[in-house]
Amino acid sequence: MRVQITPSARILLADDHQLFSDGLCSLLNTEADFQIVGQVYDGTGVRSAVQQYAPDLLLLDVNMPRQNGHDLAPYLLRDFPSLKIIILTMYAEQQLVDDFRRIGVSGYILKNASRPTLLTGIRTVLAGGHYFDPQLTKNVAPNGHADDVFLKQYQLTPRELTIIRLVVEGLNSQQIAAQTGLSYLTIKTHRRNIHFKLGTNSTAELIRLANEQGL
């Protein structure tokens, strides 16, 4: 009797942190039903990599240089209808998760997820389902997601929250522009709007408020 061999699922990794990407690649390569076909470290290279490698699944980071995952995802899903996308990120903001749900991604997994969670999520999506990290529901407070409360309190956008976190990490406007794929002037405008919304007058005040909010 001839044994039918099921081909491995083709997975493309898109993350600008090479050390993390390499570790993820090594982890997934231990699974017989996965095949890592490529790694991309720059947002502008994702589309051409999808064209070149024809993956079944793209593990996509949100923050990537020059072009971020939030901007990329809708165009990738439009131009490559058979492609499945799982967002793999450290950001658990409910508004951001909801945005990606509306875009149509198949999954959203946090980078601190356990190995079983990651593998379950990938296999669920490859089987045609949807998978959103169980940790996302654990952060929901009685009046909504804790970070979402902060967003609504100050009328911030997910993009502005991302920029605040990058400022807290010590990046200047030029570095944030490179990280997010936005122009330097756009970042300056965002930072001006952030200061106005938060009522802060300096980067030090902004960082202090962000730390008080646990961002």
N, C-alpha and C. Protein backbone atom coordinates (compact mmCIF):
# COMPACT_ATOMS: atom_id res chain seq x y z
N MET A 1 0.84 -1.19 0.00
CA MET A 1 0.00 0.00 0.00
C MET A 1 0.88 1.24 0.00
N ARG A 2 0.56 2.20 -0.85
CA ARG A 2 1.35 3.43 -0.92
C ARG A 2 0.96 4.36 0.21
N VAL A 3 1.97 4.88 0.92
CA VAL A 3 1.72 5.81 2.00
C VAL A 3 1.68 7.23 1.44
N GLN A 4 0.60 7.95 1.72
CA GLN A 4 0.46 9.33 1.25
C GLN A 4 1.17 10.27 2.21
N ILE A 5 2.09 11.07 1.72
CA ILE A 5 2.84 12.00 2.55
C ILE A 5 2.23 13.39 2.42
N THR A 6 1.84 13.95 3.55
CA THR A 6 1.26 15.29 3.56
C THR A 6 2.38 16.32 3.50
N PRO A 7 2.35 17.22 2.54
CA PRO A 7 3.43 18.22 2.46
C PRO A 7 3.42 19.15 3.65
N SER A 8 4.60 19.62 4.02
CA SER A 8 4.71 20.54 5.14
C SER A 8 4.15 21.91 4.76
N ALA A 9 3.56 22.56 5.74
CA ALA A 9 3.04 23.91 5.52
C ALA A 9 4.20 24.88 5.35
N ARG A 10 4.10 25.74 4.36
CA ARG A 10 5.16 26.71 4.07
C ARG A 10 4.91 27.99 4.87
N ILE A 11 5.89 28.35 5.71
CA ILE A 11 5.74 29.49 6.61
C ILE A 11 6.83 30.52 6.34
N LEU A 12 6.41 31.78 6.24
CA LEU A 12 7.34 32.90 6.07
C LEU A 12 7.32 33.73 7.34
N LEU A 13 8.51 34.11 7.83
CA LEU A 13 8.64 34.92 9.04
C LEU A 13 8.99 36.36 8.66
N ALA A 14 8.28 37.33 9.22
CA ALA A 14 8.57 38.74 8.97
C ALA A 14 8.69 39.45 10.31
N ASP A 15 9.93 39.68 10.74
CA ASP A 15 10.20 40.33 12.02
C ASP A 15 11.55 41.01 11.93
N ASP A 16 11.65 42.27 12.40
CA ASP A 16 12.89 43.01 12.24
C ASP A 16 13.93 42.66 13.30
N HIS A 17 13.55 41.91 14.33
CA HIS A 17 14.51 41.48 15.33
C HIS A 17 15.08 40.12 14.92
N GLN A 18 16.27 40.14 14.35
CA GLN A 18 16.82 38.93 13.76
C GLN A 18 17.02 37.81 14.78
N LEU A 19 17.44 38.17 15.98
CA LEU A 19 17.68 37.15 17.00
C LEU A 19 16.37 36.42 17.34
N PHE A 20 15.29 37.19 17.50
CA PHE A 20 13.98 36.59 17.76
C PHE A 20 13.54 35.72 16.58
N SER A 21 13.71 36.26 15.37
CA SER A 21 13.31 35.54 14.17
C SER A 21 14.08 34.24 14.01
N ASP A 22 15.38 34.28 14.29
CA ASP A 22 16.20 33.07 14.19
C ASP A 22 15.76 32.02 15.21
N GLY A 23 15.45 32.49 16.43
CA GLY A 23 14.98 31.56 17.46
C GLY A 23 13.65 30.93 17.08
N LEU A 24 12.75 31.74 16.54
CA LEU A 24 11.45 31.24 16.09
C LEU A 24 11.62 30.24 14.96
N CYS A 25 12.52 30.57 14.04
CA CYS A 25 12.81 29.67 12.92
C CYS A 25 13.30 28.31 13.43
N SER A 26 14.21 28.32 14.38
CA SER A 26 14.75 27.07 14.93
C SER A 26 13.65 26.27 15.62
N LEU A 27 12.79 26.97 16.35
CA LEU A 27 11.70 26.28 17.05
C LEU A 27 10.75 25.61 16.07
N LEU A 28 10.32 26.35 15.07
CA LEU A 28 9.33 25.81 14.13
C LEU A 28 9.92 24.73 13.24
N ASN A 29 11.21 24.81 12.97
CA ASN A 29 11.84 23.80 12.13
C ASN A 29 11.92 22.43 12.80
N THR A 30 11.66 22.38 14.11
CA THR A 30 11.65 21.08 14.79
C THR A 30 10.33 20.34 14.57
N GLU A 31 9.35 21.06 14.00
CA GLU A 31 8.04 20.45 13.75
C GLU A 31 8.00 19.91 12.32
N ALA A 32 7.69 18.62 12.21
CA ALA A 32 7.75 17.95 10.90
C ALA A 32 6.74 18.51 9.90
N ASP A 33 5.66 19.12 10.39
CA ASP A 33 4.62 19.61 9.48
C ASP A 33 4.81 21.07 9.10
N PHE A 34 5.95 21.66 9.49
CA PHE A 34 6.23 23.04 9.13
C PHE A 34 7.51 23.12 8.29
N GLN A 35 7.51 24.06 7.36
CA GLN A 35 8.72 24.34 6.58
C GLN A 35 8.90 25.86 6.53
N ILE A 36 9.97 26.36 7.11
CA ILE A 36 10.25 27.80 7.06
C ILE A 36 10.90 28.11 5.72
N VAL A 37 10.20 28.88 4.89
CA VAL A 37 10.69 29.12 3.53
C VAL A 37 11.49 30.42 3.43
N GLY A 38 11.41 31.28 4.45
CA GLY A 38 12.16 32.52 4.37
C GLY A 38 11.97 33.37 5.61
N GLN A 39 12.88 34.33 5.79
CA GLN A 39 12.82 35.30 6.88
C GLN A 39 13.03 36.69 6.29
N VAL A 40 12.18 37.63 6.71
CA VAL A 40 12.25 39.00 6.22
C VAL A 40 12.42 39.92 7.43
N TYR A 41 13.30 40.91 7.33
CA TYR A 41 13.59 41.79 8.46
C TYR A 41 13.18 43.24 8.21
N ASP A 42 12.59 43.50 7.06
CA ASP A 42 12.25 44.86 6.66
C ASP A 42 10.86 44.84 6.02
N GLY A 43 10.00 45.77 6.43
CA GLY A 43 8.63 45.77 5.93
C GLY A 43 8.52 45.85 4.42
N THR A 44 9.43 46.57 3.79
CA THR A 44 9.34 46.74 2.34
C THR A 44 9.69 45.45 1.59
N GLY A 45 10.27 44.48 2.27
CA GLY A 45 10.63 43.23 1.60
C GLY A 45 9.60 42.13 1.74
N VAL A 46 8.52 42.40 2.49
CA VAL A 46 7.55 41.35 2.76
C VAL A 46 6.78 40.94 1.51
N ARG A 47 6.29 41.90 0.77
CA ARG A 47 5.48 41.58 -0.41
C ARG A 47 6.27 40.75 -1.42
N SER A 48 7.52 41.17 -1.71
CA SER A 48 8.32 40.43 -2.68
C SER A 48 8.65 39.03 -2.17
N ALA A 49 8.81 38.89 -0.85
CA ALA A 49 9.09 37.57 -0.27
C ALA A 49 7.86 36.66 -0.40
N VAL A 50 6.67 37.23 -0.22
CA VAL A 50 5.44 36.45 -0.39
C VAL A 50 5.32 35.99 -1.84
N GLN A 51 5.64 36.87 -2.77
CA GLN A 51 5.62 36.50 -4.18
C GLN A 51 6.64 35.41 -4.49
N GLN A 52 7.82 35.54 -3.92
CA GLN A 52 8.91 34.60 -4.22
C GLN A 52 8.68 33.23 -3.61
N TYR A 53 8.26 33.18 -2.34
CA TYR A 53 8.20 31.91 -1.62
C TYR A 53 6.82 31.27 -1.59
N ALA A 54 5.77 32.03 -1.94
CA ALA A 54 4.40 31.51 -1.94
C ALA A 54 4.08 30.75 -0.66
N PRO A 55 4.20 31.40 0.51
CA PRO A 55 3.92 30.70 1.75
C PRO A 55 2.44 30.44 1.97
N ASP A 56 2.14 29.43 2.76
CA ASP A 56 0.76 29.20 3.19
C ASP A 56 0.41 30.15 4.33
N LEU A 57 1.42 30.47 5.13
CA LEU A 57 1.20 31.28 6.32
C LEU A 57 2.32 32.31 6.48
N LEU A 58 1.94 33.52 6.84
CA LEU A 58 2.89 34.58 7.15
C LEU A 58 2.77 34.94 8.62
N LEU A 59 3.86 34.81 9.38
CA LEU A 59 3.91 35.31 10.76
C LEU A 59 4.46 36.72 10.69
N LEU A 60 3.63 37.70 10.99
CA LEU A 60 3.93 39.11 10.71
C LEU A 60 3.99 39.94 11.98
N ASP A 61 5.11 40.62 12.19
CA ASP A 61 5.25 41.55 13.31
C ASP A 61 4.52 42.84 12.98
N VAL A 62 4.10 43.58 14.01
CA VAL A 62 3.42 44.85 13.79
C VAL A 62 4.43 45.94 13.43
N ASN A 63 5.44 46.11 14.27
CA ASN A 63 6.43 47.16 14.05
C ASN A 63 7.61 46.63 13.25
N MET A 64 7.73 47.12 12.02
CA MET A 64 8.86 46.77 11.17
C MET A 64 9.37 48.03 10.49
N PRO A 65 10.67 48.09 10.19
CA PRO A 65 11.20 49.29 9.53
C PRO A 65 10.56 49.56 8.18
N ARG A 66 10.34 50.82 7.90
CA ARG A 66 9.89 51.35 6.61
C ARG A 66 8.43 51.06 6.28
N GLN A 67 7.92 49.88 6.63
CA GLN A 67 6.50 49.61 6.40
C GLN A 67 6.04 48.63 7.47
N ASN A 68 5.03 49.02 8.25
CA ASN A 68 4.63 48.18 9.38
C ASN A 68 3.55 47.18 9.01
N GLY A 69 3.36 46.22 9.91
CA GLY A 69 2.41 45.14 9.65
C GLY A 69 0.98 45.60 9.52
N HIS A 70 0.62 46.66 10.25
CA HIS A 70 -0.75 47.16 10.19
C HIS A 70 -1.07 47.70 8.80
N ASP A 71 -0.10 48.34 8.18
CA ASP A 71 -0.30 48.86 6.82
C ASP A 71 -0.20 47.77 5.76
N LEU A 72 0.66 46.79 6.02
CA LEU A 72 0.89 45.73 5.04
C LEU A 72 -0.26 44.75 4.93
N ALA A 73 -0.83 44.35 6.05
CA ALA A 73 -1.77 43.23 6.09
C ALA A 73 -2.94 43.35 5.11
N PRO A 74 -3.64 44.51 5.03
CA PRO A 74 -4.78 44.56 4.12
C PRO A 74 -4.41 44.35 2.65
N TYR A 75 -3.26 44.88 2.25
CA TYR A 75 -2.84 44.74 0.85
C TYR A 75 -2.40 43.32 0.55
N LEU A 76 -1.74 42.69 1.51
CA LEU A 76 -1.32 41.30 1.32
C LEU A 76 -2.53 40.38 1.19
N LEU A 77 -3.52 40.59 2.03
CA LEU A 77 -4.73 39.75 1.98
C LEU A 77 -5.52 40.00 0.70
N ARG A 78 -5.46 41.22 0.21
CA ARG A 78 -6.15 41.53 -1.05
C ARG A 78 -5.44 40.91 -2.25
N ASP A 79 -4.12 41.02 -2.27
CA ASP A 79 -3.35 40.58 -3.44
C ASP A 79 -3.01 39.09 -3.41
N PHE A 80 -3.05 38.48 -2.22
CA PHE A 80 -2.74 37.05 -2.10
C PHE A 80 -3.86 36.39 -1.30
N PRO A 81 -5.00 36.12 -1.94
CA PRO A 81 -6.20 35.66 -1.23
C PRO A 81 -6.02 34.34 -0.47
N SER A 82 -5.10 33.50 -0.92
CA SER A 82 -4.92 32.21 -0.24
C SER A 82 -3.97 32.31 0.96
N LEU A 83 -3.32 33.46 1.13
CA LEU A 83 -2.36 33.63 2.21
C LEU A 83 -3.08 33.80 3.55
N LYS A 84 -2.59 33.09 4.55
CA LYS A 84 -3.10 33.26 5.91
C LYS A 84 -2.06 34.05 6.71
N ILE A 85 -2.54 34.97 7.53
CA ILE A 85 -1.64 35.83 8.30
C ILE A 85 -1.93 35.70 9.79
N ILE A 86 -0.87 35.46 10.56
CA ILE A 86 -0.95 35.56 12.02
C ILE A 86 -0.07 36.72 12.45
N ILE A 87 -0.63 37.64 13.20
CA ILE A 87 0.15 38.74 13.77
C ILE A 87 0.88 38.20 15.00
N LEU A 88 2.19 38.39 15.04
CA LEU A 88 3.01 37.95 16.17
C LEU A 88 3.68 39.19 16.74
N THR A 89 3.25 39.63 17.91
CA THR A 89 3.66 40.94 18.42
C THR A 89 3.69 40.96 19.94
N MET A 90 4.25 42.04 20.48
CA MET A 90 4.24 42.22 21.94
C MET A 90 3.08 43.12 22.37
N TYR A 91 2.34 43.68 21.42
CA TYR A 91 1.29 44.64 21.74
C TYR A 91 -0.05 43.95 21.94
N ALA A 92 -0.66 44.18 23.13
CA ALA A 92 -1.92 43.52 23.46
C ALA A 92 -3.10 44.49 23.51
N GLU A 93 -2.94 45.71 22.97
CA GLU A 93 -4.03 46.69 23.02
C GLU A 93 -5.26 46.16 22.28
N GLN A 94 -6.42 46.23 22.97
CA GLN A 94 -7.63 45.68 22.38
C GLN A 94 -8.00 46.38 21.08
N GLN A 95 -7.77 47.69 21.01
CA GLN A 95 -8.13 48.41 19.79
C GLN A 95 -7.29 47.94 18.62
N LEU A 96 -6.02 47.63 18.87
CA LEU A 96 -5.16 47.13 17.81
C LEU A 96 -5.61 45.74 17.37
N VAL A 97 -5.95 44.90 18.35
CA VAL A 97 -6.45 43.56 18.03
C VAL A 97 -7.71 43.66 17.19
N ASP A 98 -8.62 44.55 17.59
CA ASP A 98 -9.88 44.74 16.85
C ASP A 98 -9.62 45.23 15.43
N ASP A 99 -8.63 46.11 15.28
CA ASP A 99 -8.26 46.60 13.95
C ASP A 99 -7.84 45.44 13.05
N PHE A 100 -7.01 44.57 13.58
CA PHE A 100 -6.54 43.44 12.77
C PHE A 100 -7.66 42.44 12.49
N ARG A 101 -8.59 42.29 13.41
CA ARG A 101 -9.76 41.44 13.14
C ARG A 101 -10.54 41.99 11.94
N ARG A 102 -10.74 43.31 11.94
CA ARG A 102 -11.47 43.93 10.83
C ARG A 102 -10.71 43.79 9.51
N ILE A 103 -9.39 43.88 9.58
CA ILE A 103 -8.57 43.71 8.38
C ILE A 103 -8.74 42.31 7.80
N GLY A 104 -8.90 41.32 8.70
CA GLY A 104 -9.15 39.96 8.23
C GLY A 104 -8.03 38.97 8.46
N VAL A 105 -7.10 39.29 9.38
CA VAL A 105 -6.04 38.32 9.67
C VAL A 105 -6.66 37.11 10.35
N SER A 106 -5.95 35.98 10.28
CA SER A 106 -6.49 34.73 10.83
C SER A 106 -6.11 34.51 12.28
N GLY A 107 -5.11 35.25 12.77
CA GLY A 107 -4.69 35.04 14.14
C GLY A 107 -3.89 36.20 14.69
N TYR A 108 -3.76 36.22 16.02
CA TYR A 108 -3.03 37.28 16.72
C TYR A 108 -2.44 36.63 17.97
N ILE A 109 -1.10 36.51 18.00
CA ILE A 109 -0.43 35.82 19.10
C ILE A 109 0.64 36.74 19.69
N LEU A 110 0.70 36.79 21.00
CA LEU A 110 1.70 37.62 21.68
C LEU A 110 3.05 36.92 21.70
N LYS A 111 4.12 37.71 21.69
CA LYS A 111 5.46 37.15 21.61
C LYS A 111 5.88 36.43 22.90
N ASN A 112 5.16 36.67 23.99
CA ASN A 112 5.48 35.94 25.21
C ASN A 112 4.62 34.69 25.38
N ALA A 113 3.97 34.29 24.30
CA ALA A 113 3.14 33.08 24.34
C ALA A 113 4.01 31.85 24.58
N SER A 114 3.40 30.83 25.16
CA SER A 114 4.11 29.56 25.35
C SER A 114 4.23 28.83 24.02
N ARG A 115 5.16 27.89 23.96
CA ARG A 115 5.32 27.09 22.74
C ARG A 115 4.03 26.37 22.36
N PRO A 116 3.34 25.71 23.31
CA PRO A 116 2.08 25.04 22.93
C PRO A 116 1.05 26.01 22.36
N THR A 117 0.97 27.23 22.93
CA THR A 117 0.03 28.22 22.41
C THR A 117 0.37 28.60 20.98
N LEU A 118 1.65 28.84 20.73
CA LEU A 118 2.08 29.22 19.39
C LEU A 118 1.78 28.12 18.38
N LEU A 119 2.13 26.89 18.72
CA LEU A 119 1.93 25.78 17.80
C LEU A 119 0.45 25.51 17.57
N THR A 120 -0.33 25.60 18.64
CA THR A 120 -1.78 25.42 18.49
C THR A 120 -2.37 26.48 17.58
N GLY A 121 -1.92 27.74 17.79
CA GLY A 121 -2.42 28.84 16.96
C GLY A 121 -2.09 28.64 15.50
N ILE A 122 -0.84 28.27 15.22
CA ILE A 122 -0.42 28.08 13.83
C ILE A 122 -1.21 26.95 13.18
N ARG A 123 -1.34 25.83 13.88
CA ARG A 123 -2.05 24.67 13.29
C ARG A 123 -3.54 24.95 13.13
N THR A 124 -4.12 25.72 14.05
CA THR A 124 -5.53 26.08 13.93
C THR A 124 -5.77 26.92 12.68
N VAL A 125 -4.89 27.90 12.47
CA VAL A 125 -5.03 28.78 11.30
C VAL A 125 -4.78 28.02 10.01
N LEU A 126 -3.76 27.17 9.99
CA LEU A 126 -3.47 26.39 8.78
C LEU A 126 -4.61 25.44 8.43
N ALA A 127 -5.37 25.05 9.45
CA ALA A 127 -6.51 24.16 9.22
C ALA A 127 -7.76 24.92 8.78
N GLY A 128 -7.63 26.24 8.67
CA GLY A 128 -8.75 27.05 8.20
C GLY A 128 -9.49 27.80 9.28
N GLY A 129 -9.00 27.72 10.53
CA GLY A 129 -9.67 28.41 11.62
C GLY A 129 -9.04 29.76 11.94
N HIS A 130 -9.48 30.32 13.06
CA HIS A 130 -8.94 31.57 13.56
C HIS A 130 -8.43 31.35 14.98
N TYR A 131 -7.37 32.06 15.33
CA TYR A 131 -6.81 31.86 16.67
C TYR A 131 -6.30 33.19 17.21
N PHE A 132 -6.86 33.59 18.37
CA PHE A 132 -6.41 34.80 19.04
C PHE A 132 -5.95 34.42 20.44
N ASP A 133 -4.73 34.82 20.76
CA ASP A 133 -4.05 34.43 21.99
C ASP A 133 -4.97 34.53 23.21
N PRO A 134 -5.08 33.45 23.99
CA PRO A 134 -5.92 33.49 25.20
C PRO A 134 -5.51 34.58 26.19
N GLN A 135 -4.23 35.00 26.15
CA GLN A 135 -3.78 36.07 27.05
C GLN A 135 -4.53 37.38 26.80
N LEU A 136 -5.02 37.57 25.60
CA LEU A 136 -5.68 38.83 25.26
C LEU A 136 -6.92 39.05 26.13
N THR A 137 -7.62 37.98 26.49
CA THR A 137 -8.82 38.12 27.30
C THR A 137 -8.50 38.28 28.77
N LYS A 138 -7.29 37.88 29.19
CA LYS A 138 -6.93 37.97 30.61
C LYS A 138 -6.71 39.40 31.05
N ASN A 139 -6.41 40.30 30.10
CA ASN A 139 -6.12 41.68 30.45
C ASN A 139 -7.36 42.58 30.43
N VAL A 140 -8.53 41.96 30.27
CA VAL A 140 -9.75 42.75 30.20
C VAL A 140 -10.23 43.10 31.60
N ALA A 141 -10.32 44.38 31.89
CA ALA A 141 -10.82 44.84 33.18
C ALA A 141 -12.34 44.93 33.13
N PRO A 142 -13.03 45.16 34.30
CA PRO A 142 -14.49 45.23 34.29
C PRO A 142 -15.04 46.24 33.30
N ASN A 143 -14.31 47.35 33.10
CA ASN A 143 -14.79 48.38 32.17
C ASN A 143 -14.08 48.33 30.82
N GLY A 144 -13.42 47.19 30.52
CA GLY A 144 -12.75 47.05 29.24
C GLY A 144 -11.28 46.76 29.41
N HIS A 145 -10.57 46.61 28.32
CA HIS A 145 -9.15 46.30 28.36
C HIS A 145 -8.38 47.44 29.02
N ALA A 146 -7.43 47.11 29.88
CA ALA A 146 -6.71 48.14 30.64
C ALA A 146 -6.06 49.16 29.73
N ASP A 147 -5.37 48.69 28.70
CA ASP A 147 -4.73 49.62 27.78
C ASP A 147 -5.77 50.38 26.96
N ASP A 148 -6.89 49.70 26.67
CA ASP A 148 -7.95 50.35 25.90
C ASP A 148 -8.55 51.50 26.71
N VAL A 149 -8.63 51.33 28.03
CA VAL A 149 -9.12 52.41 28.88
C VAL A 149 -8.20 53.62 28.76
N PHE A 150 -6.89 53.37 28.76
CA PHE A 150 -5.93 54.46 28.61
C PHE A 150 -6.09 55.15 27.26
N LEU A 151 -6.27 54.35 26.22
CA LEU A 151 -6.46 54.92 24.88
C LEU A 151 -7.70 55.82 24.85
N LYS A 152 -8.78 55.33 25.42
CA LYS A 152 -10.02 56.10 25.38
C LYS A 152 -9.95 57.33 26.29
N GLN A 153 -9.30 57.18 27.44
CA GLN A 153 -9.20 58.29 28.39
C GLN A 153 -8.55 59.51 27.75
N TYR A 154 -7.49 59.26 26.97
CA TYR A 154 -6.75 60.37 26.36
C TYR A 154 -7.03 60.51 24.86
N GLN A 155 -7.98 59.71 24.38
CA GLN A 155 -8.36 59.75 22.95
C GLN A 155 -7.14 59.53 22.05
N LEU A 156 -6.33 58.55 22.43
CA LEU A 156 -5.14 58.20 21.65
C LEU A 156 -5.50 57.16 20.61
N THR A 157 -4.74 57.13 19.53
CA THR A 157 -4.87 56.08 18.52
C THR A 157 -3.83 54.99 18.82
N PRO A 158 -4.03 53.76 18.30
CA PRO A 158 -3.01 52.72 18.48
C PRO A 158 -1.65 53.15 17.97
N ARG A 159 -1.62 53.92 16.89
CA ARG A 159 -0.36 54.42 16.34
C ARG A 159 0.34 55.33 17.35
N GLU A 160 -0.44 56.21 17.98
CA GLU A 160 0.15 57.11 18.97
C GLU A 160 0.67 56.34 20.18
N LEU A 161 -0.04 55.28 20.58
CA LEU A 161 0.43 54.47 21.70
C LEU A 161 1.74 53.77 21.35
N THR A 162 1.84 53.30 20.11
CA THR A 162 3.09 52.68 19.65
C THR A 162 4.24 53.68 19.72
N ILE A 163 3.98 54.91 19.28
CA ILE A 163 5.03 55.93 19.30
C ILE A 163 5.43 56.26 20.73
N ILE A 164 4.45 56.33 21.64
CA ILE A 164 4.77 56.58 23.05
C ILE A 164 5.72 55.50 23.57
N ARG A 165 5.43 54.26 23.27
CA ARG A 165 6.27 53.16 23.75
C ARG A 165 7.67 53.23 23.17
N LEU A 166 7.78 53.65 21.92
CA LEU A 166 9.10 53.78 21.32
C LEU A 166 9.88 54.93 21.94
N VAL A 167 9.18 56.00 22.31
CA VAL A 167 9.83 57.11 23.01
C VAL A 167 10.34 56.62 24.37
N VAL A 168 9.52 55.83 25.06
CA VAL A 168 9.92 55.29 26.36
C VAL A 168 11.15 54.40 26.23
N GLU A 169 11.25 53.70 25.09
CA GLU A 169 12.41 52.84 24.85
C GLU A 169 13.67 53.65 24.56
N GLY A 170 13.52 54.96 24.37
CA GLY A 170 14.68 55.82 24.16
C GLY A 170 14.94 56.21 22.72
N LEU A 171 14.01 55.90 21.80
CA LEU A 171 14.21 56.24 20.40
C LEU A 171 13.87 57.71 20.16
N ASN A 172 14.64 58.35 19.28
CA ASN A 172 14.31 59.71 18.89
C ASN A 172 13.39 59.67 17.67
N SER A 173 12.96 60.85 17.22
CA SER A 173 11.97 60.90 16.14
C SER A 173 12.48 60.27 14.85
N GLN A 174 13.75 60.47 14.55
CA GLN A 174 14.32 59.89 13.33
C GLN A 174 14.31 58.37 13.41
N GLN A 175 14.66 57.83 14.58
CA GLN A 175 14.67 56.37 14.76
C GLN A 175 13.26 55.80 14.74
N ILE A 176 12.32 56.53 15.32
CA ILE A 176 10.93 56.07 15.30
C ILE A 176 10.40 56.06 13.87
N ALA A 177 10.78 57.06 13.08
CA ALA A 177 10.36 57.10 11.68
C ALA A 177 10.87 55.86 10.94
N ALA A 178 12.13 55.50 11.17
CA ALA A 178 12.70 54.32 10.51
C ALA A 178 12.01 53.05 10.99
N GLN A 179 11.67 52.99 12.28
CA GLN A 179 11.07 51.80 12.86
C GLN A 179 9.65 51.58 12.36
N THR A 180 8.90 52.67 12.19
CA THR A 180 7.49 52.56 11.85
C THR A 180 7.21 52.69 10.36
N GLY A 181 8.20 53.16 9.60
CA GLY A 181 7.97 53.35 8.17
C GLY A 181 7.29 54.65 7.84
N LEU A 182 7.17 55.55 8.82
CA LEU A 182 6.57 56.85 8.59
C LEU A 182 7.66 57.90 8.36
N SER A 183 7.27 59.04 7.84
CA SER A 183 8.25 60.09 7.62
C SER A 183 8.59 60.79 8.93
N TYR A 184 9.74 61.44 8.94
CA TYR A 184 10.19 62.18 10.13
C TYR A 184 9.16 63.25 10.50
N LEU A 185 8.63 63.97 9.51
CA LEU A 185 7.66 65.03 9.79
C LEU A 185 6.36 64.45 10.36
N THR A 186 5.97 63.28 9.88
CA THR A 186 4.76 62.63 10.41
C THR A 186 4.94 62.27 11.88
N ILE A 187 6.12 61.76 12.22
CA ILE A 187 6.40 61.43 13.61
C ILE A 187 6.37 62.67 14.47
N LYS A 188 6.96 63.76 13.98
CA LYS A 188 6.96 65.02 14.73
C LYS A 188 5.52 65.48 14.97
N THR A 189 4.67 65.34 13.96
CA THR A 189 3.27 65.73 14.11
C THR A 189 2.58 64.85 15.14
N HIS A 190 2.82 63.53 15.08
CA HIS A 190 2.23 62.61 16.05
C HIS A 190 2.67 62.98 17.47
N ARG A 191 3.95 63.27 17.63
CA ARG A 191 4.46 63.59 18.97
C ARG A 191 3.85 64.89 19.50
N ARG A 192 3.65 65.85 18.62
CA ARG A 192 3.01 67.11 19.02
C ARG A 192 1.57 66.84 19.47
N ASN A 193 0.85 65.99 18.72
CA ASN A 193 -0.53 65.65 19.07
C ASN A 193 -0.58 64.87 20.39
N ILE A 194 0.40 63.99 20.59
CA ILE A 194 0.46 63.20 21.83
C ILE A 194 0.64 64.13 23.04
N HIS A 195 1.57 65.06 22.93
CA HIS A 195 1.78 66.01 24.03
C HIS A 195 0.51 66.82 24.32
N PHE A 196 -0.20 67.21 23.26
CA PHE A 196 -1.43 67.98 23.44
C PHE A 196 -2.49 67.14 24.16
N LYS A 197 -2.65 65.88 23.74
CA LYS A 197 -3.68 65.02 24.33
C LYS A 197 -3.36 64.67 25.78
N LEU A 198 -2.08 64.45 26.08
CA LEU A 198 -1.68 64.03 27.42
C LEU A 198 -1.42 65.21 28.35
N GLY A 199 -1.30 66.41 27.78
CA GLY A 199 -1.01 67.57 28.59
C GLY A 199 0.42 67.62 29.08
N THR A 200 1.32 66.99 28.33
CA THR A 200 2.74 67.00 28.69
C THR A 200 3.48 68.03 27.86
N ASN A 201 4.58 68.54 28.42
CA ASN A 201 5.33 69.60 27.74
C ASN A 201 6.74 69.19 27.35
N SER A 202 7.14 67.98 27.74
CA SER A 202 8.49 67.53 27.43
C SER A 202 8.51 66.01 27.32
N THR A 203 9.59 65.52 26.72
CA THR A 203 9.75 64.06 26.61
C THR A 203 9.84 63.43 27.99
N ALA A 204 10.51 64.10 28.93
CA ALA A 204 10.64 63.56 30.29
C ALA A 204 9.26 63.40 30.94
N GLU A 205 8.39 64.40 30.76
CA GLU A 205 7.04 64.31 31.32
C GLU A 205 6.26 63.18 30.66
N LEU A 206 6.43 63.04 29.35
CA LEU A 206 5.74 61.98 28.62
C LEU A 206 6.17 60.60 29.13
N ILE A 207 7.47 60.42 29.29
CA ILE A 207 7.99 59.13 29.77
C ILE A 207 7.50 58.85 31.19
N ARG A 208 7.49 59.89 32.04
CA ARG A 208 7.04 59.70 33.41
C ARG A 208 5.57 59.28 33.45
N LEU A 209 4.72 59.92 32.64
CA LEU A 209 3.32 59.54 32.58
C LEU A 209 3.15 58.13 32.06
N ALA A 210 3.90 57.80 31.02
CA ALA A 210 3.80 56.46 30.43
C ALA A 210 4.19 55.40 31.46
N ASN A 211 5.23 55.67 32.22
CA ASN A 211 5.67 54.72 33.25
C ASN A 211 4.62 54.59 34.35
N GLU A 212 3.97 55.69 34.70
CA GLU A 212 2.91 55.65 35.71
C GLU A 212 1.73 54.80 35.24
N GLN A 213 1.51 54.78 33.92
CA GLN A 213 0.41 54.00 33.34
C GLN A 213 0.83 52.55 33.07
N GLY A 214 2.10 52.24 33.32
CA GLY A 214 2.58 50.88 33.10
C GLY A 214 2.77 50.52 31.64
N LEU A 215 3.01 51.52 30.80
CA LEU A 215 3.16 51.26 29.37
C LEU A 215 4.58 50.79 29.05
